[in-house]
Amino acid sequence: MHDALVPLSCTPVTHSVPMAKNHRSDRSSTDPATRLTPGVVLDRLVSGPSRAARITHTEHLPPRAGRHAVWPDRIRSEVVAAVQACGVEHPWAHQARAAEHALDGHSVVVATGTASGKSLAYLVPVLSTLLDGSEAPAQRTQQREALPRGGGGRR
């Protein structure tokens, strides 16, 4: 493995996302029996008169099964090995597509749920390009207020 990839963090940093593998938390709110349902959360959001007027649309989307893919061939094997060493055997389809677009030189915006892999979607092509000796301009933005205390998700 390339020495630049050795410090790649494999530790989940969020306490609120059950999707993170090997996730440990001592917070009782992660217990499915005590979690608030989306309906309860929505009721709370619209309970105040000033809040209700600001909500213009709600829609319930049923959960979808995740789809795995393979990393694009242009991703360096050292980067794939580092990601696999963190326990991520295959990327999600949106990660592979984002990496492909980034490698093609396109601007990429990824908007998915917490702990769904946005970080790897941009880090993998950036690390691979840097290891090739090229520049890899990248900008990552996030809504800090929308994240749970302690940071974002894993993958």
C-alpha atoms as a PDB file:
ATOM      1  CA  MET A   1       0.000   0.000   0.000  1.00  0.00           C
ATOM      2  CA  HIS A   2       1.282   3.492  -0.802  1.00  0.00           C
ATOM      3  CA  ASP A   3       2.584   5.206   2.337  1.00  0.00           C
ATOM      4  CA  ALA A   4       0.292   8.206   1.734  1.00  0.00           C
ATOM      5  CA  LEU A   5      -2.730   5.938   2.152  1.00  0.00           C
ATOM      6  CA  VAL A   6      -1.676   4.335   5.448  1.00  0.00           C
ATOM      7  CA  PRO A   7      -3.323   7.005   7.653  1.00  0.00           C
ATOM      8  CA  LEU A   8      -6.668   6.563   5.854  1.00  0.00           C
ATOM      9  CA  SER A   9      -9.183   6.596   8.692  1.00  0.00           C
ATOM     10  CA  CYS A  10     -11.419   3.569   9.050  1.00  0.00           C
ATOM     11  CA  THR A  11     -13.298   4.749  12.124  1.00  0.00           C
ATOM     12  CA  PRO A  12     -16.916   5.941  11.963  1.00  0.00           C
ATOM     13  CA  VAL A  13     -17.217   9.381  13.501  1.00  0.00           C
ATOM     14  CA  THR A  14     -20.955   9.701  13.857  1.00  0.00           C
ATOM     15  CA  HIS A  15     -23.072   8.476  16.746  1.00  0.00           C
ATOM     16  CA  SER A  16     -26.411   8.659  15.000  1.00  0.00           C
ATOM     17  CA  VAL A  17     -26.092   6.575  11.850  1.00  0.00           C
ATOM     18  CA  PRO A  18     -26.891   2.874  12.059  1.00  0.00           C
ATOM     19  CA  MET A  19     -25.508   2.304   8.530  1.00  0.00           C
ATOM     20  CA  ALA A  20     -21.889   2.543   9.674  1.00  0.00           C
ATOM     21  CA  LYS A  21     -20.480  -0.969  10.013  1.00  0.00           C
ATOM     22  CA  ASN A  22     -19.073  -2.029  13.350  1.00  0.00           C
ATOM     23  CA  HIS A  23     -20.660   1.073  14.831  1.00  0.00           C
ATOM     24  CA  ARG A  24     -20.589   1.337  18.602  1.00  0.00           C
ATOM     25  CA  SER A  25     -22.540   3.910  20.518  1.00  0.00           C
ATOM     26  CA  ASP A  26     -23.500   4.411  24.106  1.00  0.00           C
ATOM     27  CA  ARG A  27     -26.256   6.859  23.207  1.00  0.00           C
ATOM     28  CA  SER A  28     -29.704   5.442  23.860  1.00  0.00           C
ATOM     29  CA  SER A  29     -31.178   7.393  20.921  1.00  0.00           C
ATOM     30  CA  THR A  30     -29.630   4.846  18.544  1.00  0.00           C
ATOM     31  CA  ASP A  31     -31.947   2.165  19.926  1.00  0.00           C
ATOM     32  CA  PRO A  32     -34.577   1.578  17.199  1.00  0.00           C
ATOM     33  CA  ALA A  33     -37.283   1.260  19.863  1.00  0.00           C
ATOM     34  CA  THR A  34     -36.649   4.815  21.105  1.00  0.00           C
ATOM     35  CA  ARG A  35     -36.112   6.500  17.732  1.00  0.00           C
ATOM     36  CA  LEU A  36     -38.593   9.100  16.606  1.00  0.00           C
ATOM     37  CA  THR A  37     -40.534   8.173  13.499  1.00  0.00           C
ATOM     38  CA  PRO A  38     -40.510  10.557  10.523  1.00  0.00           C
ATOM     39  CA  GLY A  39     -44.159  11.362  11.241  1.00  0.00           C
ATOM     40  CA  VAL A  40     -43.400  12.417  14.824  1.00  0.00           C
ATOM     41  CA  VAL A  41     -40.492  14.571  13.648  1.00  0.00           C
ATOM     42  CA  LEU A  42     -42.688  16.217  10.999  1.00  0.00           C
ATOM     43  CA  ASP A  43     -45.418  16.882  13.572  1.00  0.00           C
ATOM     44  CA  ARG A  44     -42.864  18.618  15.783  1.00  0.00           C
ATOM     45  CA  LEU A  45     -41.544  20.678  12.884  1.00  0.00           C
ATOM     46  CA  VAL A  46     -44.987  22.010  12.010  1.00  0.00           C
ATOM     47  CA  SER A  47     -46.175  22.480  15.595  1.00  0.00           C
ATOM     48  CA  GLY A  48     -45.176  26.142  15.786  1.00  0.00           C
ATOM     49  CA  PRO A  49     -47.140  28.691  13.728  1.00  0.00           C
ATOM     50  CA  SER A  50     -44.018  30.219  12.185  1.00  0.00           C
ATOM     51  CA  ARG A  51     -42.596  26.850  11.201  1.00  0.00           C
ATOM     52  CA  ALA A  52     -45.684  25.418   9.515  1.00  0.00           C
ATOM     53  CA  ALA A  53     -45.765  28.219   6.946  1.00  0.00           C
ATOM     54  CA  ARG A  54     -42.167  27.510   5.905  1.00  0.00           C
ATOM     55  CA  ILE A  55     -42.774  23.866   5.008  1.00  0.00           C
ATOM     56  CA  THR A  56     -44.018  23.858   1.439  1.00  0.00           C
ATOM     57  CA  HIS A  57     -43.786  20.183   0.533  1.00  0.00           C
ATOM     58  CA  THR A  58     -43.322  16.847   2.241  1.00  0.00           C
ATOM     59  CA  GLU A  59     -43.018  13.492   0.578  1.00  0.00           C
ATOM     60  CA  HIS A  60     -42.445  10.016   1.966  1.00  0.00           C
ATOM     61  CA  LEU A  61     -40.077   7.920  -0.118  1.00  0.00           C
ATOM     62  CA  PRO A  62     -39.844   4.254   0.790  1.00  0.00           C
ATOM     63  CA  PRO A  63     -36.378   2.860   1.476  1.00  0.00           C
ATOM     64  CA  ARG A  64     -34.499   1.466  -1.496  1.00  0.00           C
ATOM     65  CA  ALA A  65     -31.966  -1.312  -1.446  1.00  0.00           C
ATOM     66  CA  GLY A  66     -28.410  -0.125  -1.951  1.00  0.00           C
ATOM     67  CA  ARG A  67     -26.733  -1.087  -5.213  1.00  0.00           C
ATOM     68  CA  HIS A  68     -23.054  -1.940  -5.309  1.00  0.00           C
ATOM     69  CA  ALA A  69     -20.757  -1.343  -8.271  1.00  0.00           C
ATOM     70  CA  VAL A  70     -17.066  -1.614  -9.065  1.00  0.00           C
ATOM     71  CA  TRP A  71     -14.577   1.234  -8.950  1.00  0.00           C
ATOM     72  CA  PRO A  72     -13.709   2.639 -12.387  1.00  0.00           C
ATOM     73  CA  ASP A  73     -10.618   1.024 -13.937  1.00  0.00           C
ATOM     74  CA  ARG A  74      -8.799   4.363 -13.712  1.00  0.00           C
ATOM     75  CA  ILE A  75      -8.799   4.254  -9.899  1.00  0.00           C
ATOM     76  CA  ARG A  76      -5.371   3.138  -8.740  1.00  0.00           C
ATOM     77  CA  SER A  77      -5.164  -0.274  -7.138  1.00  0.00           C
ATOM     78  CA  GLU A  78      -3.473   1.202  -4.036  1.00  0.00           C
ATOM     79  CA  VAL A  79      -6.497   3.409  -3.399  1.00  0.00           C
ATOM     80  CA  VAL A  80      -8.916   0.516  -3.858  1.00  0.00           C
ATOM     81  CA  ALA A  81      -6.788  -1.601  -1.495  1.00  0.00           C
ATOM     82  CA  ALA A  82      -6.804   1.157   1.145  1.00  0.00           C
ATOM     83  CA  VAL A  83     -10.585   1.472   0.934  1.00  0.00           C
ATOM     84  CA  GLN A  84     -10.992  -2.306   1.135  1.00  0.00           C
ATOM     85  CA  ALA A  85      -8.696  -2.377   4.169  1.00  0.00           C
ATOM     86  CA  CYS A  86     -11.253  -0.114   5.849  1.00  0.00           C
ATOM     87  CA  GLY A  87     -13.943  -2.736   5.274  1.00  0.00           C
ATOM     88  CA  VAL A  88     -15.534  -1.293   2.137  1.00  0.00           C
ATOM     89  CA  GLU A  89     -15.333  -4.176  -0.335  1.00  0.00           C
ATOM     90  CA  HIS A  90     -17.336  -2.538  -3.134  1.00  0.00           C
ATOM     91  CA  PRO A  91     -18.500   1.045  -3.672  1.00  0.00           C
ATOM     92  CA  TRP A  92     -22.123   2.044  -3.836  1.00  0.00           C
ATOM     93  CA  ALA A  93     -23.294   2.767  -7.386  1.00  0.00           C
ATOM     94  CA  HIS A  94     -23.425   6.529  -6.734  1.00  0.00           C
ATOM     95  CA  GLN A  95     -19.803   6.490  -5.527  1.00  0.00           C
ATOM     96  CA  ALA A  96     -18.574   4.731  -8.661  1.00  0.00           C
ATOM     97  CA  ARG A  97     -20.558   7.085 -10.937  1.00  0.00           C
ATOM     98  CA  ALA A  98     -19.301  10.167  -9.102  1.00  0.00           C
ATOM     99  CA  ALA A  99     -15.708   8.917  -9.360  1.00  0.00           C
ATOM    100  CA  GLU A 100     -16.101   8.284 -13.090  1.00  0.00           C
ATOM    101  CA  HIS A 101     -17.469  11.788 -13.705  1.00  0.00           C
ATOM    102  CA  ALA A 102     -14.717  13.351 -11.587  1.00  0.00           C
ATOM    103  CA  LEU A 103     -12.040  11.431 -13.480  1.00  0.00           C
ATOM    104  CA  ASP A 104     -13.571  12.725 -16.716  1.00  0.00           C
ATOM    105  CA  GLY A 105     -12.977  16.261 -15.438  1.00  0.00           C
ATOM    106  CA  HIS A 106     -16.608  17.093 -14.721  1.00  0.00           C
ATOM    107  CA  SER A 107     -17.847  18.961 -11.675  1.00  0.00           C
ATOM    108  CA  VAL A 108     -19.753  16.567  -9.436  1.00  0.00           C
ATOM    109  CA  VAL A 109     -22.376  17.259  -6.782  1.00  0.00           C
ATOM    110  CA  VAL A 110     -23.393  14.354  -4.558  1.00  0.00           C
ATOM    111  CA  ALA A 111     -26.473  14.832  -2.379  1.00  0.00           C
ATOM    112  CA  THR A 112     -27.301  11.681  -0.453  1.00  0.00           C
ATOM    113  CA  GLY A 113     -28.160  10.797   3.112  1.00  0.00           C
ATOM    114  CA  THR A 114     -25.804  10.816   6.058  1.00  0.00           C
ATOM    115  CA  ALA A 115     -23.217   8.008   5.986  1.00  0.00           C
ATOM    116  CA  SER A 116     -24.019   7.105   2.379  1.00  0.00           C
ATOM    117  CA  GLY A 117     -20.500   7.563   1.069  1.00  0.00           C
ATOM    118  CA  LYS A 118     -20.149  11.127  -0.157  1.00  0.00           C
ATOM    119  CA  SER A 119     -16.622  11.425   1.241  1.00  0.00           C
ATOM    120  CA  LEU A 120     -15.319   8.374  -0.598  1.00  0.00           C
ATOM    121  CA  ALA A 121     -17.122   9.472  -3.747  1.00  0.00           C
ATOM    122  CA  TYR A 122     -14.771  12.439  -4.002  1.00  0.00           C
ATOM    123  CA  LEU A 123     -11.714  11.202  -2.082  1.00  0.00           C
ATOM    124  CA  VAL A 124     -11.110   8.079  -4.164  1.00  0.00           C
ATOM    125  CA  PRO A 125     -10.672   9.883  -7.518  1.00  0.00           C
ATOM    126  CA  VAL A 126      -8.719  12.718  -5.862  1.00  0.00           C
ATOM    127  CA  LEU A 127      -6.283  10.325  -4.145  1.00  0.00           C
ATOM    128  CA  SER A 128      -5.907   8.267  -7.294  1.00  0.00           C
ATOM    129  CA  THR A 129      -5.164  11.331  -9.425  1.00  0.00           C
ATOM    130  CA  LEU A 130      -2.680  12.686  -6.877  1.00  0.00           C
ATOM    131  CA  LEU A 131      -0.847   9.352  -6.822  1.00  0.00           C
ATOM    132  CA  ASP A 132      -0.598   9.581 -10.613  1.00  0.00           C
ATOM    133  CA  GLY A 133       1.346  12.817 -10.101  1.00  0.00           C
ATOM    134  CA  SER A 134      -1.365  15.112 -11.446  1.00  0.00           C
ATOM    135  CA  GLU A 135      -3.213  17.938  -9.767  1.00  0.00           C
ATOM    136  CA  ALA A 136      -6.600  17.011  -8.400  1.00  0.00           C
ATOM    137  CA  PRO A 137      -8.611  20.122  -7.573  1.00  0.00           C
ATOM    138  CA  ALA A 138     -11.479  19.332  -5.245  1.00  0.00           C
ATOM    139  CA  GLN A 139     -13.775  21.297  -2.998  1.00  0.00           C
ATOM    140  CA  ARG A 140     -15.949  19.697  -0.351  1.00  0.00           C
ATOM    141  CA  THR A 141     -18.785  21.635   1.234  1.00  0.00           C
ATOM    142  CA  GLN A 142     -21.325  20.574   3.808  1.00  0.00           C
ATOM    143  CA  GLN A 143     -24.035  22.018   5.996  1.00  0.00           C
ATOM    144  CA  ARG A 144     -22.414  21.975   9.404  1.00  0.00           C
ATOM    145  CA  GLU A 145     -25.715  22.545  11.203  1.00  0.00           C
ATOM    146  CA  ALA A 146     -27.261  19.509   9.515  1.00  0.00           C
ATOM    147  CA  LEU A 147     -24.635  17.086  10.790  1.00  0.00           C
ATOM    148  CA  PRO A 148     -24.847  15.300  14.111  1.00  0.00           C
ATOM    149  CA  ARG A 149     -22.481  16.523  16.795  1.00  0.00           C
ATOM    150  CA  GLY A 150     -19.068  15.023  16.147  1.00  0.00           C
ATOM    151  CA  GLY A 151     -18.951  15.076  12.349  1.00  0.00           C
ATOM    152  CA  GLY A 152     -20.287  13.283   9.335  1.00  0.00           C
ATOM    153  CA  GLY A 153     -20.705   9.689   8.361  1.00  0.00           C
ATOM    154  CA  ARG A 154     -18.475   6.914   7.169  1.00  0.00           C
ATOM    155  CA  ARG A 155     -17.805   5.799   3.602  1.00  0.00           C
END
